Amino acid sequence: MFALLQYLQPAGFVSIFIPLQKHIQILDSETERGFAAQIAPNLSRRFCDIHYVGIMKSTTVKVILLMFFGLFGPKSHASAQTDFWKWFSANETQLFSLESDRDAVFNRLGAAMEKVHADITFEFGPITEGKREFVISAGGIKAAFPAVEALYSSAPSLKRWKWVKFRPRREPINNIEFGGKTIQSKDVHFLLARDEPRVGIVLFFNGYSEAEKTLFGQIGYLFLDEALGEFAVEMRVGFIEFQTRDSKHFKNAFPLDELPAQFDEFWAMRTR
C-alpha cells in the first residue's frame, strides 16, 4: 500500500518510509468543549494558559508515508538485531542505491525489519558527501522506543552510512504535500499551553475544517516531528489541537519556525 508524501524543499530531508500510529487528543469544536484561553501572567505572551471544560477524545490516527508494511511477530532476542544488521551489511550496496529499484528494496527491508519489532520504522536521507542517513524510528509509539534503542546500539560501523535513532528535528522545516493538500511551513502557526506535566500545542492552519480534522491531524504530526523531533513529540508534548487561522486565538500565534526554540524555553521553564 502506497501513500505519497513529498517534502517540497529540494535541499530538505527525503523521507522514504514512516508508518506512524499516533494517539492524538483532538477536541471538538471550540463551542462544544467550552474552550477558553488566557495569557499566563508570569510568562511572555508567546505562552498561553489554556483550560478545557469537558472530556478530551483520544483518536488514533494512522499516517502512512510512501509505503506501509504489516510488521508483526517481533523477535525479542538480541539475535534479531544481529540478524538484521548482517542482512543490512550484505545488502548495503542495493540499499545505498535504493532509487534504482525502490519498491524491491523497500519490500526486502520491510521483511527484514519485520523480524526485529512490529512497530519500528525507517527513513532514508539523500546521499550527502558520499554518505546516507538511515533513521530508525518508533513510528511515534512509545512502547517501541526500547526496540529503537536496541537496534541503534547494535548497529555496525559502515563508512557510507550514518545511523540516527528517532526522527530528528529538521532545519529548515520542510513544506508538506500529503493527502491532496500542499501546506507550506511558513503558513503554519502555533501556540504553546500548559498541559502538566507536558506541553500542549495548538496549530493553526489556513483552510482548516472539522470535516478534515483527521487529514490535518496527520499533517500536523508531520510538521511537529519536523520541528521538534520524534522523541520530544512523544515524550514531552501533551494535547495537540488544530484550529483555523480565523480563530480568535490566532492573533497571539507565532510562525512554526519559531516552535523549536520556544518549545525548548517553555520546557526548561516548567522543569526548573
Foldseek 3Di string as FASTA:
>chain_A
DFFAKDFPDPVWWAWAWFKAKDFAFEDDDCVVFVKDWAQDPVDPLLAIAIDTHDDTDTDIAIDTHGDDDQQDDADDDLVLLVVLQVVCVVCVVCVLVCVVPVVVVVVVNSVSVSHHDRQWDWTWTHQDPQAIEIEIARSLDPVCLVSLVSNQVPHDDDPRYDYHYFQAAIPPQTWIDGPNDTGGLQQKWWGWHDDPPAIEIEIEHAPDDPVCQSVVVNVVVSSCCRHHTSVCCNPHYDHYYYYYCPDPCVVSIDRSSCVNVVRVVVNVVSVD
